[in-house]
Protein backbone atom coordinates (compact mmCIF):
# COMPACT_ATOMS: atom_id res chain seq x y z
CA UNK A 1 138.97 154.90 57.34
CA UNK A 2 137.10 154.88 60.63
CA UNK A 3 134.68 157.76 60.96
CA UNK A 4 134.77 158.68 64.64
CA UNK A 5 131.71 160.88 64.99
CA UNK A 6 131.53 161.72 68.67
CA UNK A 7 128.13 162.82 69.94
CA UNK A 8 127.51 164.59 73.23
CA UNK A 9 124.25 163.35 74.71
CA UNK A 10 121.96 165.81 76.50
CA UNK A 11 122.52 166.32 80.22
CA UNK A 12 119.04 164.96 81.06
CA UNK A 13 119.78 161.79 79.11
CA UNK A 14 123.00 161.28 81.07
CA UNK A 15 121.45 161.79 84.49
CA UNK A 16 122.48 158.81 86.61
CA UNK A 17 124.76 157.45 83.88
CA UNK A 18 128.44 157.17 84.69
CA UNK A 19 131.34 155.25 83.25
CA UNK A 20 132.84 152.63 85.50
CA UNK A 21 136.20 153.74 86.85
CA UNK A 22 137.35 150.28 87.95
CA UNK A 23 136.42 147.11 86.12
CA UNK A 24 137.70 143.56 86.22
CA UNK A 25 138.65 141.87 82.99
CA UNK A 26 135.88 140.16 81.05
CA UNK A 27 137.52 136.75 81.47
CA UNK A 28 137.33 137.04 85.26
CA UNK A 29 133.59 137.64 85.21
CA UNK A 30 132.22 135.73 82.22
CA UNK A 31 132.75 132.64 80.09
CA UNK A 32 132.25 132.95 76.34
CA UNK A 33 130.27 130.20 74.65
CA UNK A 34 129.22 129.30 71.12
CA UNK A 35 128.23 131.67 68.33
CA UNK A 36 124.51 132.53 68.29
CA UNK A 37 124.48 134.76 65.22
CA UNK A 38 126.17 137.52 63.24
CA UNK A 39 124.98 140.82 61.80
CA UNK A 40 126.18 144.03 60.27
CA UNK A 41 127.46 145.39 63.57
CA UNK A 42 129.00 142.35 65.22
CA UNK A 43 128.63 138.77 66.37
CA UNK A 44 126.64 137.45 69.34
CA UNK A 45 127.80 134.55 71.51
CA UNK A 46 126.24 132.64 74.36
CA UNK A 47 127.92 133.19 77.71
CA UNK A 48 127.77 132.58 81.42
CA UNK A 49 128.42 134.83 84.42
CA UNK A 50 130.95 133.08 86.61
CA UNK A 51 129.69 134.42 89.95
CA UNK A 52 126.21 132.86 89.74
CA UNK A 53 126.03 130.86 86.51
CA UNK A 54 123.59 133.30 84.88
CA UNK A 55 123.17 132.65 81.16
CA UNK A 56 123.94 135.77 79.10
CA UNK A 57 124.45 136.89 75.51
CA UNK A 58 127.71 138.59 74.56
CA UNK A 59 127.91 140.91 71.56
CA UNK A 60 131.36 141.38 70.08
CA UNK A 61 131.96 144.55 68.05
CA UNK A 62 135.13 145.36 66.14
CA UNK A 63 136.39 148.94 66.22
CA UNK A 64 136.21 149.19 62.43
CA UNK A 65 132.43 148.60 62.54
CA UNK A 66 131.71 151.42 64.98
CA UNK A 67 130.44 154.51 63.17
CA UNK A 68 129.23 156.71 66.00
CA UNK A 69 130.70 157.35 69.44
CA UNK A 70 129.47 159.18 72.52
CA UNK A 71 131.07 160.92 75.48
CA UNK A 72 130.16 159.73 78.98
CA UNK A 73 130.76 161.54 82.28
CA UNK A 74 133.83 160.10 83.98
CA UNK A 75 135.08 158.31 80.87
CA UNK A 76 138.51 159.14 79.49
CA UNK A 77 137.57 157.95 76.01
CA UNK A 78 134.41 158.00 73.94
CA UNK A 79 132.36 154.80 73.84
CA UNK A 80 130.30 153.28 71.01
CA UNK A 81 126.93 154.97 70.62
CA UNK A 82 125.13 151.66 71.19
CA UNK A 83 126.61 151.39 74.70
CA UNK A 84 125.72 154.99 75.53
CA UNK A 85 122.12 154.54 74.34
CA UNK A 86 121.66 151.36 76.36
CA UNK A 87 123.08 153.07 79.45
CA UNK A 88 120.61 155.91 78.97
CA UNK A 89 117.69 153.50 78.52
CA UNK A 90 118.65 151.73 81.73
CA UNK A 91 119.83 154.91 83.47
CA UNK A 92 122.78 152.92 84.73
CA UNK A 93 120.54 151.02 87.15
CA UNK A 94 119.58 148.08 84.96
CA UNK A 95 115.85 148.75 85.34
CA UNK A 96 114.90 150.21 81.96
CA UNK A 97 111.76 148.97 80.22
CA UNK A 98 110.48 145.39 80.12
CA UNK A 99 110.15 145.58 76.34
CA UNK A 100 113.82 146.50 75.76
CA UNK A 101 116.73 144.09 76.12
CA UNK A 102 118.79 144.85 79.22
CA UNK A 103 122.53 145.47 79.04
CA UNK A 104 124.27 143.97 82.06
CA UNK A 105 127.83 145.13 81.41
CA UNK A 106 130.31 146.21 78.77
CA UNK A 107 134.05 145.92 78.26
CA UNK A 108 136.62 147.61 76.06
CA UNK A 109 139.12 145.24 74.48
CA UNK A 110 142.09 147.51 73.64
CA UNK A 111 143.04 147.33 69.99
CA UNK A 112 140.17 144.95 69.19
CA UNK A 113 136.78 146.39 70.00
CA UNK A 114 134.08 146.03 72.64
CA UNK A 115 132.09 143.30 74.36
CA UNK A 116 128.52 144.05 75.44
CA UNK A 117 126.88 141.64 77.89
CA UNK A 118 123.09 141.30 77.69
CA UNK A 119 120.45 139.39 79.57
CA UNK A 120 119.51 136.20 77.72
CA UNK A 121 115.79 135.53 78.19
CA UNK A 122 114.94 131.84 78.20
CA UNK A 123 112.41 130.24 75.85
CA UNK A 124 112.78 133.08 73.33
CA UNK A 125 113.18 133.30 69.58
CA UNK A 126 113.12 136.22 67.21
CA UNK A 127 109.86 137.19 65.57
CA UNK A 128 111.10 136.12 62.13
CA UNK A 129 111.66 132.53 63.29
CA UNK A 130 108.46 132.62 65.33
CA UNK A 131 106.40 133.45 62.23
CA UNK A 132 108.38 131.06 60.01
CA UNK A 133 107.58 128.13 62.30
CA UNK A 134 103.94 128.99 62.98
CA UNK A 135 102.82 130.73 59.82
CA UNK A 136 100.74 133.90 59.70
CA UNK A 137 99.88 135.26 63.14
CA UNK A 138 96.30 135.31 64.33
CA UNK A 139 95.02 138.85 64.75
CA UNK A 140 94.87 138.84 68.60
CA UNK A 141 98.51 137.68 68.78
CA UNK A 142 99.63 140.24 66.17
CA UNK A 143 97.82 142.98 68.09
CA UNK A 144 99.50 141.94 71.33
CA UNK A 145 102.97 141.99 69.76
CA UNK A 146 102.38 145.29 67.98
CA UNK A 147 101.10 146.96 71.16
CA UNK A 148 104.18 145.90 73.11
CA UNK A 149 106.62 147.04 70.43
CA UNK A 150 104.94 150.45 70.16
CA UNK A 151 105.03 150.88 73.95
CA UNK A 152 108.75 150.03 74.00
CA UNK A 153 109.46 152.47 71.15
CA UNK A 154 107.49 155.19 72.90
CA UNK A 155 109.69 154.67 75.95
CA UNK A 156 112.80 155.02 73.76
CA UNK A 157 111.44 158.20 72.25
CA UNK A 158 110.60 159.61 75.70
CA UNK A 159 114.28 159.09 76.56
CA UNK A 160 115.35 160.91 73.38
CA UNK A 161 116.45 157.77 71.51
CA UNK A 162 115.45 156.18 68.18
CA UNK A 163 116.16 152.55 67.29
CA UNK A 164 116.23 152.99 63.48
CA UNK A 165 116.25 149.27 62.62
CA UNK A 166 112.90 147.85 63.70
CA UNK A 167 112.32 144.52 61.97
CA UNK A 168 111.19 141.03 62.94
CA UNK A 169 114.78 139.81 63.48
CA UNK A 170 115.25 142.50 66.14
CA UNK A 171 112.21 141.51 68.20
CA UNK A 172 112.50 138.63 70.68
CA UNK A 173 109.34 136.70 71.61
CA UNK A 174 108.95 134.73 74.84
CA UNK A 175 107.18 131.66 73.51
CA UNK A 176 105.61 130.90 76.91
CA UNK A 177 104.20 134.32 77.81
CA UNK A 178 103.98 136.19 74.51
CA UNK A 179 106.08 139.04 75.90
CA UNK A 180 108.51 140.77 73.53
CA UNK A 181 111.83 142.57 73.80
CA UNK A 182 113.46 144.87 71.26
CA UNK A 183 117.13 144.08 70.66
CA UNK A 184 120.11 145.46 68.70
CA UNK A 185 120.58 149.21 69.08
CA UNK A 186 123.58 149.18 66.73
CA UNK A 187 121.77 151.55 64.35
CA UNK A 188 120.32 153.67 67.16
CA UNK A 189 120.78 157.40 67.48
CA UNK A 190 119.85 160.40 69.56
CA UNK A 191 116.41 161.74 68.66
CA UNK A 192 116.56 165.08 66.88
CA UNK A 193 114.37 167.34 64.77
CA UNK A 194 116.96 167.97 62.08
CA UNK A 195 117.74 165.70 59.12
CA UNK A 196 119.57 162.40 59.66
CA UNK A 197 122.29 162.08 57.04
CA UNK A 198 123.34 158.54 57.89
CA UNK A 199 121.63 155.20 58.29
CA UNK A 200 123.11 151.72 58.74
CA UNK A 201 120.03 149.58 59.41
CA UNK A 202 118.24 147.46 56.84
CA UNK A 203 114.57 147.71 57.82
CA UNK A 204 112.61 149.48 55.11
CA UNK A 205 115.87 151.14 54.07
CA UNK A 206 114.46 152.10 50.67
CA UNK A 207 111.83 154.28 52.35
CA UNK A 208 114.37 155.88 54.65
CA UNK A 209 116.77 156.71 51.85
CA UNK A 210 114.04 158.78 50.24
CA UNK A 211 112.75 160.31 53.45
CA UNK A 212 116.25 161.31 54.67
CA UNK A 213 115.23 161.02 58.29
CA UNK A 214 114.13 158.61 60.97
CA UNK A 215 112.34 160.52 63.69
CA UNK A 216 109.78 159.03 66.07
CA UNK A 217 106.89 159.35 63.59
CA UNK A 218 108.81 157.51 60.87
CA UNK A 219 109.86 154.77 63.28
CA UNK A 220 106.28 154.17 64.39
CA UNK A 221 105.19 154.27 60.74
CA UNK A 222 107.62 151.44 59.98
CA UNK A 223 105.80 149.33 62.54
CA UNK A 224 102.94 148.97 60.06
CA UNK A 225 105.19 146.73 57.92
CA UNK A 226 105.33 144.20 60.77
CA UNK A 227 101.56 143.88 60.75
CA UNK A 228 101.44 142.17 57.36
């Protein structure tokens, strides 16, 4: 049975965030391509924006996989928490932080689920594949990656958001510049001081099950696992 836990985000988090009142159908704006990968919260496909040919990534989420929902100003229905968190991180303007993947659009597919459209950085691969192909990272490169991830997480925390699933598969690396982007906020939540009683991510899950929480200090602590 679907657990529709609806969370009301703080007013300061929702400043500048509004639901779209009028939206064209997904098929009129984008073309769906081949499957890029699947995870616990959905599948990701390549895609293209029809208006300008921009290459994008499209995440498809079924309603039965959505555990947390959030209320948005101007929205008749609650939306998946992942969409609300990404809207907050971008403040509806698409600016956000350079170390966090940018959501370009989202669509509700009645009776099926949701489609989330993301930027698709070129010449990128996840950190897991990056390390698999190149072997152990040299210390200067590891330091550069770690610094960027921590800065991106600090931005999330300053916006009252925790990622809760930091792992090498959720970090994209630009192989030309060495810049990184954190992806997949499917396990994300609103930052709070009280105990978290749920967790869907896999990163260091054994630790989190014993600690019963995932606040900003725990999330930054988990970053130490990526250094080895």
